[in-house]
Amino acid sequence: MNVVHVVVSGAFAGVEAHVARLARTQAAHGHRVTVVGGAAGRARETTGSAVAFLPGATLREAATSLARVREDADVLHAHMTAAELVAVGAARRGHLPVVATRHFAQRRGRSVPGRLAARVVAPRIAAQIAISRYVAAAVDGPSVVVHPGVDTVPDVLRAARRDAVVLMVQRLEPEKRTDLGLRAFAASGLAAQGWRLDVVGDGALRRSLETLVARSGMADHVRFLGTRRDVAALMARAGILLAPCPAEGLGLSVLEAMAAGLPVVAARAGGHVETLGGLDLAALYEPSDPADGGRRLVELAASPGRRDALAVAARARQRERYAPESQARATEAVYRSVL
C-alpha cells in the first residue's frame, strides 16, 4: 500500500513524532510511505531512510508536495485541520480516500476560518482515527480509537539508582498548565530533601514561568532546559515524571516515561486516565489542586519500592496497549475499510 501522511508544519513536536513513529512501522511492514510536512531532519532520526519526506510547512508548500505524489497514493492520512484541508483538496483531483487522525479533544472550527474549513473538510473524510477514548468523545463525527505506540526501552534503572529529579516534558503554552506543575513541586517540599525539578520544553510562557519560580524562592531547585534532543536520556535517569496538563489527548511524554520505567504523577484528566488509571493511587491527582499533586510526589519519592512497582506495571501496560506494531495494524485496518 502507498500511504501519504500530511502534517502542515515545519516543526517536530508531539504530532510530528507520532507521524514519524507510525510511518517507520508502516514502512517496516512493507508499505511505501511518504510524509509531507514536519521537520524532516528530526523525523529521519526516527524513521531512517525507509520513509520519504517532502516539504509542507505551509498550506501552499504541502499542496505542491501532494500534487507530486497523489497519483501513486492509495490513501492520504491527514493530521490536524490544516493538513485535512490540503488532503481533501488533493483527494478531489485523484479520488483518493482521506483518513484523519484527531489528536486533540476538540471539535473542528473553533475560529471563523476553522469553521469554514470544517464545512469543507468534514464531508470528505472517509474515516477518522482518535488517539484516545477521551479524544473520540470530544471530536465531531464518529471515529475509531487507535492508541499511539512508543518503543519499549529494553533496560531501565531501578528507582534506587535514579537521580533525585522530577521531570516535566511539555510545550510551555497555556493549555499545558506548566504553572500547576511548578506549584505542585513547590507544595511537595521535595526541594528541601535534595530533589530538583527539570523542565524540558519551550514556548510563549517560558519567561513568565521563570518569573514565577524566582518569586517563589525555588530558583535554586528548578531548571528550565529548553528544547532538548536527549529526552530519552533524561528519562532514563530521572526519578519521577510530572504531567500536569488537564486536557491532554493522550500524552506522548507519559507514554515514553512508561516505556522507560519512569514512574509518572499526572493530572487525573484527559488521556492520563486511560494511560495511568488503576496502576497506583499516587499516579493521578486532582488537576486543579497542586497541593494534591505535591502529596502524590512525596508518596512516590519516599518509597523507591513503590516507584519500582509502578514502573513495572506501567511498562507492562505500555507493551500491551501502546506499541508501534499494534498501532500500525489497527491503522491499516482503517485504511482497508475505506479502500
Protein backbone atom coordinates (compact mmCIF):
# COMPACT_ATOMS: atom_id res chain seq x y z
CA MET A 1 0.00 0.00 0.00
CA ASN A 2 1.21 3.53 -0.82
CA VAL A 3 0.50 5.76 2.19
CA VAL A 4 1.00 9.53 2.27
CA HIS A 5 0.90 11.28 5.64
CA VAL A 6 0.25 15.03 5.70
CA VAL A 7 1.02 17.39 8.58
CA VAL A 8 1.22 21.08 7.70
CA SER A 9 4.14 22.00 9.91
CA GLY A 10 7.84 22.73 9.88
CA ALA A 11 8.33 21.65 13.48
CA PHE A 12 8.92 18.40 15.32
CA ALA A 13 6.72 18.11 18.40
CA GLY A 14 4.18 15.57 19.62
CA VAL A 15 2.11 15.21 16.44
CA GLU A 16 5.14 15.07 14.17
CA ALA A 17 6.78 12.46 16.41
CA HIS A 18 3.53 10.45 16.27
CA VAL A 19 3.62 10.56 12.45
CA ALA A 20 7.30 9.59 12.29
CA ARG A 21 6.87 6.54 14.52
CA LEU A 22 3.81 5.34 12.63
CA ALA A 23 5.47 5.92 9.24
CA ARG A 24 8.56 3.97 10.29
CA THR A 25 6.50 0.99 11.44
CA GLN A 26 4.32 1.05 8.32
CA ALA A 27 7.45 1.03 6.15
CA ALA A 28 8.77 -1.94 8.14
CA HIS A 29 5.50 -3.73 7.30
CA GLY A 30 6.27 -3.35 3.61
CA HIS A 31 4.24 -0.27 2.77
CA ARG A 32 5.57 2.61 0.71
CA VAL A 33 5.33 5.66 2.97
CA THR A 34 5.78 9.37 2.32
CA VAL A 35 5.44 12.18 4.87
CA VAL A 36 4.55 15.68 3.71
CA GLY A 37 5.45 18.33 6.28
CA GLY A 38 7.24 18.34 9.62
CA ALA A 39 10.94 18.77 10.28
CA ALA A 40 12.38 16.09 8.01
CA GLY A 41 15.82 16.15 9.60
CA ARG A 42 14.45 15.41 13.07
CA ALA A 43 11.93 12.90 11.76
CA ARG A 44 14.61 10.90 9.94
CA GLU A 45 16.25 10.25 13.30
CA THR A 46 13.15 8.13 13.99
CA THR A 47 12.39 6.73 10.53
CA GLY A 48 15.80 6.28 8.96
CA SER A 49 15.88 6.08 5.17
CA ALA A 50 12.79 3.88 4.79
CA VAL A 51 10.38 6.86 4.65
CA ALA A 52 10.37 9.64 2.04
CA PHE A 53 9.86 13.25 3.12
CA LEU A 54 8.55 16.23 1.18
CA PRO A 55 8.25 19.85 2.41
CA GLY A 56 4.94 21.02 3.83
CA ALA A 57 5.47 23.81 6.33
CA THR A 58 2.67 25.90 4.77
CA LEU A 59 -0.61 25.14 3.04
CA ARG A 60 0.86 26.10 -0.34
CA GLU A 61 4.00 24.04 0.17
CA ALA A 62 2.04 21.00 1.33
CA ALA A 63 -0.35 21.26 -1.62
CA THR A 64 2.59 21.45 -4.05
CA SER A 65 4.19 18.37 -2.50
CA LEU A 66 0.92 16.42 -2.56
CA ALA A 67 0.48 17.19 -6.24
CA ARG A 68 3.75 15.31 -6.85
CA VAL A 69 2.70 12.11 -5.08
CA ARG A 70 -1.08 11.85 -5.18
CA GLU A 71 -1.19 9.93 -8.47
CA ASP A 72 0.54 6.92 -6.92
CA ALA A 73 -1.05 7.13 -3.46
CA ASP A 74 -3.63 4.67 -2.18
CA VAL A 75 -4.62 6.69 0.88
CA LEU A 76 -3.94 10.15 2.29
CA HIS A 77 -3.60 10.32 6.06
CA ALA A 78 -4.03 13.84 7.46
CA HIS A 79 -3.03 15.09 10.90
CA MET A 80 -4.70 18.30 12.17
CA THR A 81 -7.17 20.57 10.34
CA ALA A 82 -4.75 22.37 8.02
CA ALA A 83 -3.49 19.02 6.74
CA GLU A 84 -7.06 17.80 6.32
CA LEU A 85 -7.84 20.83 4.18
CA VAL A 86 -4.87 20.20 1.89
CA ALA A 87 -5.55 16.45 1.73
CA VAL A 88 -9.20 16.74 0.73
CA GLY A 89 -8.21 19.22 -1.97
CA ALA A 90 -5.72 16.74 -3.40
CA ALA A 91 -8.12 13.83 -2.98
CA ARG A 92 -10.83 15.53 -5.05
CA ARG A 93 -8.46 15.58 -8.01
CA GLY A 94 -7.36 11.97 -7.57
CA HIS A 95 -10.46 10.38 -5.96
CA LEU A 96 -8.39 9.23 -3.01
CA PRO A 97 -9.75 8.31 0.42
CA VAL A 98 -8.65 10.65 3.20
CA VAL A 99 -8.20 9.30 6.73
CA ALA A 100 -7.83 11.88 9.50
CA THR A 101 -6.26 11.35 12.90
CA ARG A 102 -7.75 13.56 15.61
CA HIS A 103 -5.02 14.40 18.11
CA PHE A 104 -6.89 16.90 20.27
CA ALA A 105 -10.09 16.68 22.28
CA GLN A 106 -11.99 19.41 20.49
CA ARG A 107 -14.32 19.91 17.56
CA ARG A 108 -13.17 21.44 14.31
CA GLY A 109 -13.87 25.11 13.79
CA ARG A 110 -13.07 26.99 16.98
CA SER A 111 -12.28 30.11 14.89
CA VAL A 112 -14.10 31.63 11.93
CA PRO A 113 -11.55 30.28 9.40
CA GLY A 114 -11.68 26.96 11.24
CA ARG A 115 -15.47 26.77 10.92
CA LEU A 116 -15.24 27.46 7.20
CA ALA A 117 -12.56 24.80 6.83
CA ALA A 118 -14.65 22.32 8.82
CA ARG A 119 -17.53 22.67 6.36
CA VAL A 120 -15.19 21.74 3.51
CA VAL A 121 -13.29 19.01 5.33
CA ALA A 122 -15.84 17.02 7.33
CA PRO A 123 -17.96 15.63 4.46
CA ARG A 124 -14.87 14.45 2.59
CA ILE A 125 -13.16 12.49 5.37
CA ALA A 126 -13.57 8.77 4.71
CA ALA A 127 -12.64 7.70 8.25
CA GLN A 128 -11.41 9.25 11.48
CA ILE A 129 -8.93 7.88 14.00
CA ALA A 130 -8.89 9.20 17.57
CA ILE A 131 -5.76 8.74 19.67
CA SER A 132 -7.78 8.01 22.82
CA ARG A 133 -11.30 7.42 24.08
CA TYR A 134 -11.15 10.90 25.60
CA VAL A 135 -10.49 12.44 22.18
CA ALA A 136 -13.12 10.25 20.49
CA ALA A 137 -15.77 11.50 22.91
CA ALA A 138 -14.94 15.15 22.22
CA VAL A 139 -14.48 15.38 18.45
CA ASP A 140 -17.16 15.86 15.81
CA GLY A 141 -18.15 12.75 13.90
CA PRO A 142 -17.55 9.04 14.54
CA SER A 143 -14.01 7.77 14.98
CA VAL A 144 -12.03 4.60 15.60
CA VAL A 145 -9.76 4.67 18.66
CA VAL A 146 -6.20 3.70 17.76
CA HIS A 147 -3.70 4.36 20.53
CA PRO A 148 -0.26 5.68 19.54
CA GLY A 149 2.68 3.38 20.03
CA VAL A 150 6.10 4.10 21.50
CA ASP A 151 9.20 1.94 21.55
CA THR A 152 9.83 -0.16 24.63
CA VAL A 153 13.15 0.54 26.35
CA PRO A 154 14.95 -2.79 26.93
CA ASP A 155 16.98 -1.92 30.03
CA VAL A 156 15.88 0.55 32.71
CA LEU A 157 17.30 1.67 36.05
CA ARG A 158 15.64 0.79 39.32
CA ALA A 159 14.43 3.68 41.46
CA ALA A 160 17.30 3.49 43.94
CA ARG A 161 19.81 4.19 41.15
CA ARG A 162 17.93 7.10 39.62
CA ASP A 163 18.62 10.78 40.26
CA ALA A 164 16.50 12.81 42.68
CA VAL A 165 14.90 14.68 39.78
CA VAL A 166 11.28 15.39 38.96
CA LEU A 167 10.99 15.87 35.19
CA MET A 168 8.40 17.79 33.17
CA VAL A 169 8.44 17.43 29.37
CA GLN A 170 5.95 19.64 27.52
CA ARG A 171 5.48 22.78 25.47
CA LEU A 172 5.34 25.90 27.65
CA GLU A 173 1.95 27.01 26.36
CA PRO A 174 -1.20 27.96 28.31
CA GLU A 175 -3.12 24.72 27.76
CA LYS A 176 -0.30 22.63 29.24
CA ARG A 177 -0.61 24.36 32.66
CA THR A 178 3.07 24.11 33.48
CA ASP A 179 2.38 26.62 36.26
CA LEU A 180 0.34 23.97 38.09
CA GLY A 181 3.26 21.57 37.82
CA LEU A 182 5.62 24.15 39.30
CA ARG A 183 3.21 24.76 42.16
CA ALA A 184 2.85 21.02 42.77
CA PHE A 185 6.62 20.62 43.07
CA ALA A 186 6.81 23.61 45.42
CA ALA A 187 3.97 22.19 47.54
CA SER A 188 5.73 18.84 47.82
CA GLY A 189 8.66 20.25 49.78
CA LEU A 190 10.95 17.82 47.93
CA ALA A 191 13.47 20.60 47.27
CA ALA A 192 14.34 20.56 50.98
CA GLN A 193 15.07 16.82 50.60
CA GLY A 194 17.54 17.38 47.77
CA TRP A 195 15.20 16.90 44.81
CA ARG A 196 15.30 19.12 41.71
CA LEU A 197 12.69 19.91 39.06
CA ASP A 198 13.86 19.90 35.42
CA VAL A 199 11.51 21.45 32.87
CA VAL A 200 12.09 20.38 29.27
CA GLY A 201 10.38 22.35 26.52
CA ASP A 202 9.91 25.89 25.30
CA GLY A 203 7.09 28.19 24.40
CA ALA A 204 5.38 31.53 24.85
CA LEU A 205 5.14 31.24 28.65
CA ARG A 206 8.77 30.47 29.42
CA ARG A 207 9.66 33.95 30.70
CA SER A 208 6.56 34.24 32.90
CA LEU A 209 7.16 30.75 34.32
CA GLU A 210 10.76 31.63 35.13
CA THR A 211 9.47 34.71 36.93
CA LEU A 212 7.00 32.58 38.88
CA VAL A 213 9.82 30.30 40.01
CA ALA A 214 12.02 33.22 41.02
CA ARG A 215 9.24 34.82 43.07
CA SER A 216 8.50 31.54 44.82
CA GLY A 217 12.09 31.25 46.03
CA MET A 218 12.59 27.99 44.07
CA ALA A 219 15.15 29.27 41.55
CA ASP A 220 17.94 27.11 43.01
CA HIS A 221 15.82 23.97 42.65
CA VAL A 222 14.21 24.39 39.21
CA ARG A 223 15.99 24.28 35.86
CA PHE A 224 14.45 25.30 32.53
CA LEU A 225 16.31 23.20 29.97
CA GLY A 226 14.54 24.38 26.83
CA THR A 227 14.05 22.14 23.81
CA ARG A 228 16.22 19.04 24.09
CA ARG A 229 17.07 16.18 21.76
CA ASP A 230 18.16 13.88 24.61
CA VAL A 231 14.79 13.45 26.32
CA ALA A 232 15.23 9.67 26.35
CA ALA A 233 18.49 10.05 28.27
CA LEU A 234 16.88 12.43 30.75
CA MET A 235 14.01 9.98 31.30
CA ALA A 236 16.50 7.17 31.83
CA ARG A 237 17.98 8.98 34.86
CA ALA A 238 15.07 10.96 36.36
CA GLY A 239 13.14 9.76 39.39
CA ILE A 240 9.57 10.85 38.57
CA LEU A 241 7.78 12.41 35.58
CA LEU A 242 5.22 15.11 36.41
CA ALA A 243 2.46 15.67 33.82
CA PRO A 244 0.12 18.50 34.91
CA CYS A 245 -1.82 19.12 31.67
CA PRO A 246 -5.59 18.79 32.41
CA ALA A 247 -6.60 18.38 28.75
CA GLU A 248 -4.02 16.04 27.25
CA GLY A 249 -5.34 14.00 24.33
CA LEU A 250 -3.20 11.09 25.49
CA GLY A 251 0.25 12.36 26.45
CA LEU A 252 3.30 11.32 24.44
CA SER A 253 5.74 12.12 27.23
CA VAL A 254 3.71 9.94 29.60
CA LEU A 255 3.86 7.01 27.17
CA GLU A 256 7.60 7.49 26.74
CA ALA A 257 8.06 7.58 30.51
CA MET A 258 6.03 4.39 30.91
CA ALA A 259 8.26 2.69 28.35
CA ALA A 260 11.39 3.99 30.09
CA GLY A 261 10.44 2.66 33.52
CA LEU A 262 9.99 6.21 34.81
CA PRO A 263 7.04 6.45 37.25
CA VAL A 264 4.53 9.19 36.45
CA VAL A 265 2.43 11.55 38.55
CA ALA A 266 -0.20 13.17 36.31
CA ALA A 267 -3.36 15.23 36.45
CA ARG A 268 -6.41 12.96 36.71
CA ALA A 269 -7.93 14.23 33.47
CA GLY A 270 -7.92 13.72 29.71
CA GLY A 271 -5.95 10.83 28.31
CA HIS A 272 -3.99 10.39 31.54
CA VAL A 273 -6.92 8.49 32.99
CA GLU A 274 -6.57 5.91 30.20
CA THR A 275 -2.80 5.55 30.37
CA LEU A 276 -2.35 5.54 34.15
CA GLY A 277 -5.71 4.72 35.72
CA GLY A 278 -5.65 1.77 38.09
CA LEU A 279 -1.87 1.45 38.31
CA ASP A 280 -1.25 3.25 41.63
CA LEU A 281 -3.26 5.79 43.60
CA ALA A 282 -0.26 8.12 43.58
CA ALA A 283 -0.13 8.18 39.77
CA LEU A 284 -3.10 10.57 39.41
CA TYR A 285 -4.06 13.71 41.31
CA GLU A 286 -6.79 16.33 41.17
CA PRO A 287 -5.81 18.54 38.21
CA SER A 288 -6.73 21.87 39.82
CA ASP A 289 -5.11 21.06 43.18
CA PRO A 290 -1.30 21.46 43.17
CA ALA A 291 -1.21 20.52 46.85
CA ASP A 292 -2.67 17.12 45.98
CA GLY A 293 -0.07 16.76 43.25
CA GLY A 294 2.61 17.60 45.78
CA ARG A 295 1.35 14.90 48.14
CA ARG A 296 1.49 12.29 45.36
CA LEU A 297 5.06 13.30 44.54
CA VAL A 298 6.04 12.91 48.19
CA GLU A 299 4.42 9.47 48.41
CA LEU A 300 6.43 8.15 45.50
CA ALA A 301 9.66 9.95 46.35
CA ALA A 302 9.60 8.41 49.82
CA SER A 303 9.34 4.84 48.54
CA PRO A 304 11.75 3.52 45.88
CA GLY A 305 9.98 0.16 46.10
CA ARG A 306 6.65 1.73 45.26
CA ARG A 307 8.21 3.61 42.35
CA ASP A 308 9.64 0.35 41.03
CA ALA A 309 6.26 -1.37 41.31
CA LEU A 310 4.55 1.47 39.44
CA ALA A 311 7.24 1.43 36.77
CA VAL A 312 6.85 -2.33 36.22
CA ALA A 313 3.06 -2.07 35.93
CA ALA A 314 3.29 0.92 33.59
CA ARG A 315 5.83 -0.77 31.31
CA ALA A 316 3.60 -3.83 31.05
CA ARG A 317 0.63 -1.65 30.08
CA GLN A 318 2.69 0.23 27.51
CA ARG A 319 3.80 -3.01 25.84
CA GLU A 320 0.25 -4.34 25.82
CA ARG A 321 -1.68 -1.24 24.70
CA TYR A 322 0.73 1.34 23.29
CA ALA A 323 3.15 -0.49 20.99
CA PRO A 324 4.03 0.68 17.44
CA GLU A 325 3.15 -2.71 15.96
CA SER A 326 -0.40 -2.72 17.30
CA GLN A 327 -0.90 0.91 16.19
CA ALA A 328 0.25 0.12 12.66
CA ARG A 329 -2.00 -2.96 12.39
CA ALA A 330 -5.06 -1.07 13.63
CA THR A 331 -4.34 1.86 11.32
CA GLU A 332 -4.00 -0.45 8.33
CA ALA A 333 -7.41 -1.93 9.17
CA VAL A 334 -8.90 1.57 9.00
CA TYR A 335 -7.26 2.15 5.60
CA ARG A 336 -8.61 -1.11 4.20
CA SER A 337 -12.10 -0.26 5.43
CA VAL A 338 -12.22 2.77 3.12
CA LEU A 339 -10.39 1.40 0.07
